[in-house]
Amino acid sequence: MRTEAHAFDEFEAEDTFLHWTVIAVVVDSNMVGLLPAGLAVAADLDMAAEQVCNHLPAHSQAVGLCYLVATPSTLEQDPSSGHLITVPRLTWVNRVWQDRGGWVLGEWVPAPSGLRGFDPARCRSDDAGSRAPATQAASASCMEVV
């Protein structure tokens, strides 16, 4: 039987283990705020996104555009210490909206600067009640172009 120590001895630096952290935010012309859905961490992006959507309020009173923000990370072995460390990767956003059946996901769009890239001044409050964004550009309408 293997022990944990043996498993770590055989761990190679190039091995990585990807996981996703997903949160929900609302963006309007003045601020970026968290929606009351908590966060989900999973190896599968769709699973994590679905969990967050399942915990969003059925009838959100949020004024602004709602997004999921997903950050992939990998667990890697630090070459100098041998400890496992979390290494964040490129952040992705997805415009979500409410439909009769609940929350609906749009397309995942890269967000190179993460949450810092949300520019509330670029969001138009009159879009808050709109249906699905027609394009990726609309999905990223509040994102700073980097």
Protein backbone atom coordinates (compact mmCIF):
# COMPACT_ATOMS: atom_id res chain seq x y z
CA MET A 1 0.00 0.00 0.00
CA ARG A 2 1.28 3.47 -0.91
CA THR A 3 1.53 6.24 1.63
CA GLU A 4 1.06 9.93 0.90
CA ALA A 5 4.79 10.49 1.26
CA HIS A 6 5.46 8.01 -1.54
CA ALA A 7 2.85 9.64 -3.75
CA PHE A 8 4.53 13.03 -3.29
CA ASP A 9 7.94 11.51 -3.97
CA GLU A 10 6.68 10.38 -7.38
CA PHE A 11 5.03 13.74 -8.17
CA GLU A 12 6.69 15.36 -11.18
CA ALA A 13 6.96 19.14 -11.56
CA GLU A 14 5.30 19.15 -15.00
CA ASP A 15 2.18 17.39 -13.67
CA THR A 16 -0.66 19.86 -13.13
CA PHE A 17 -4.16 19.54 -11.75
CA LEU A 18 -6.63 22.10 -13.07
CA HIS A 19 -9.60 23.39 -11.08
CA TRP A 20 -11.99 26.29 -11.64
CA THR A 21 -13.25 28.86 -9.14
CA VAL A 22 -16.50 30.55 -10.23
CA ILE A 23 -18.34 33.51 -8.67
CA ALA A 24 -21.27 35.68 -9.81
CA VAL A 25 -21.09 39.47 -10.02
CA VAL A 26 -23.36 42.30 -11.07
CA VAL A 27 -21.90 45.27 -12.93
CA ASP A 28 -23.65 48.60 -13.36
CA SER A 29 -22.47 52.09 -14.22
CA ASN A 30 -21.14 52.71 -10.69
CA MET A 31 -19.79 49.47 -9.25
CA VAL A 32 -19.02 45.77 -9.44
CA GLY A 33 -20.72 43.74 -6.70
CA LEU A 34 -20.97 40.11 -5.71
CA LEU A 35 -24.26 38.30 -6.22
CA PRO A 36 -25.41 36.09 -3.30
CA ALA A 37 -24.43 32.74 -4.80
CA GLY A 38 -21.19 32.00 -2.98
CA LEU A 39 -18.45 30.41 -5.01
CA ALA A 40 -17.96 27.01 -6.55
CA VAL A 41 -14.73 25.13 -7.11
CA ALA A 42 -14.67 22.13 -9.43
CA ALA A 43 -12.43 20.38 -11.93
CA ASP A 44 -15.11 20.98 -14.59
CA LEU A 45 -15.97 24.57 -15.57
CA ASP A 46 -19.55 23.73 -16.58
CA MET A 47 -20.16 21.98 -13.27
CA ALA A 48 -18.84 24.94 -11.26
CA ALA A 49 -20.87 27.43 -13.35
CA GLU A 50 -24.03 25.35 -12.94
CA GLN A 51 -23.55 25.23 -9.17
CA VAL A 52 -23.24 29.01 -8.97
CA CYS A 53 -26.32 29.49 -11.19
CA ASN A 54 -28.27 27.04 -9.02
CA HIS A 55 -27.56 29.24 -5.99
CA LEU A 56 -28.48 32.55 -7.61
CA PRO A 57 -31.82 33.97 -6.47
CA ALA A 58 -34.73 32.87 -8.68
CA HIS A 59 -35.88 36.45 -9.16
CA SER A 60 -32.87 38.70 -8.91
CA GLN A 61 -33.46 42.35 -8.12
CA ALA A 62 -29.92 43.13 -9.29
CA VAL A 63 -29.70 46.32 -11.32
CA GLY A 64 -27.02 45.92 -13.95
CA LEU A 65 -25.47 43.15 -15.99
CA CYS A 66 -24.82 39.79 -14.33
CA TYR A 67 -21.69 37.80 -15.07
CA LEU A 68 -20.02 34.61 -13.94
CA VAL A 69 -16.30 35.06 -13.39
CA ALA A 70 -14.21 31.89 -13.69
CA THR A 71 -10.57 31.61 -12.73
CA PRO A 72 -8.74 28.40 -13.55
CA SER A 73 -5.86 27.43 -11.30
CA THR A 74 -3.48 24.55 -11.27
CA LEU A 75 -1.86 22.78 -8.38
CA GLU A 76 1.82 22.45 -9.09
CA GLN A 77 4.84 21.42 -7.12
CA ASP A 78 7.10 24.31 -6.16
CA PRO A 79 10.55 23.25 -7.41
CA SER A 80 12.42 24.89 -4.53
CA SER A 81 10.29 23.76 -1.59
CA GLY A 82 8.53 20.70 -2.97
CA HIS A 83 5.20 22.03 -1.63
CA LEU A 84 2.04 22.13 -3.71
CA ILE A 85 1.12 25.67 -4.76
CA THR A 86 -1.86 27.15 -6.60
CA VAL A 87 -0.99 28.91 -9.85
CA PRO A 88 -3.80 31.13 -11.24
CA ARG A 89 -4.38 31.33 -14.99
CA LEU A 90 -6.32 33.61 -17.38
CA THR A 91 -9.74 34.67 -16.04
CA TRP A 92 -12.90 34.13 -18.11
CA VAL A 93 -16.31 35.85 -17.89
CA ASN A 94 -19.76 34.77 -19.01
CA ARG A 95 -22.79 37.08 -19.25
CA VAL A 96 -25.78 35.40 -17.59
CA TRP A 97 -29.41 36.47 -17.65
CA GLN A 98 -32.73 35.27 -16.32
CA ASP A 99 -35.26 33.44 -18.46
CA ARG A 100 -38.52 31.74 -17.50
CA GLY A 101 -36.57 28.55 -16.81
CA GLY A 102 -33.96 30.22 -14.59
CA TRP A 103 -30.48 31.56 -15.24
CA VAL A 104 -29.03 31.12 -18.74
CA LEU A 105 -25.33 31.12 -19.62
CA GLY A 106 -23.89 33.07 -22.53
CA GLU A 107 -20.45 32.51 -24.04
CA TRP A 108 -17.19 32.35 -22.10
CA VAL A 109 -14.95 35.30 -23.04
CA PRO A 110 -11.33 35.78 -21.89
CA ALA A 111 -10.78 38.58 -19.39
CA PRO A 112 -7.02 39.15 -19.28
CA SER A 113 -7.14 41.50 -16.29
CA GLY A 114 -9.71 39.52 -14.27
CA LEU A 115 -12.15 41.44 -12.07
CA ARG A 116 -9.95 44.52 -12.38
CA GLY A 117 -10.93 44.53 -16.06
CA PHE A 118 -14.59 45.24 -15.32
CA ASP A 119 -15.16 48.87 -16.16
CA PRO A 120 -18.48 49.98 -14.62
CA ALA A 121 -18.46 53.15 -16.74
CA ARG A 122 -18.78 50.98 -19.87
CA CYS A 123 -21.94 49.25 -18.61
CA ARG A 124 -25.25 50.74 -19.57
CA SER A 125 -28.03 50.34 -17.00
CA ASP A 126 -30.61 50.24 -19.81
CA ASP A 127 -29.11 46.86 -20.82
CA ALA A 128 -29.89 45.38 -17.42
CA GLY A 129 -33.22 43.94 -18.48
CA SER A 130 -32.06 42.81 -21.89
CA ARG A 131 -32.21 39.22 -23.08
CA ALA A 132 -29.23 37.24 -24.29
CA PRO A 133 -26.29 39.19 -25.68
CA ALA A 134 -26.13 38.79 -29.45
CA THR A 135 -22.35 38.53 -29.75
CA GLN A 136 -19.20 37.90 -27.79
CA ALA A 137 -18.59 41.63 -27.92
CA ALA A 138 -21.92 42.23 -26.19
CA SER A 139 -21.05 39.53 -23.67
CA ALA A 140 -17.90 41.43 -22.82
CA SER A 141 -19.48 44.91 -22.96
CA CYS A 142 -18.30 45.82 -19.46
CA MET A 143 -14.81 44.47 -19.94
CA GLU A 144 -11.86 46.75 -20.43
CA VAL A 145 -10.17 45.95 -23.72
CA VAL A 146 -6.58 45.06 -22.92
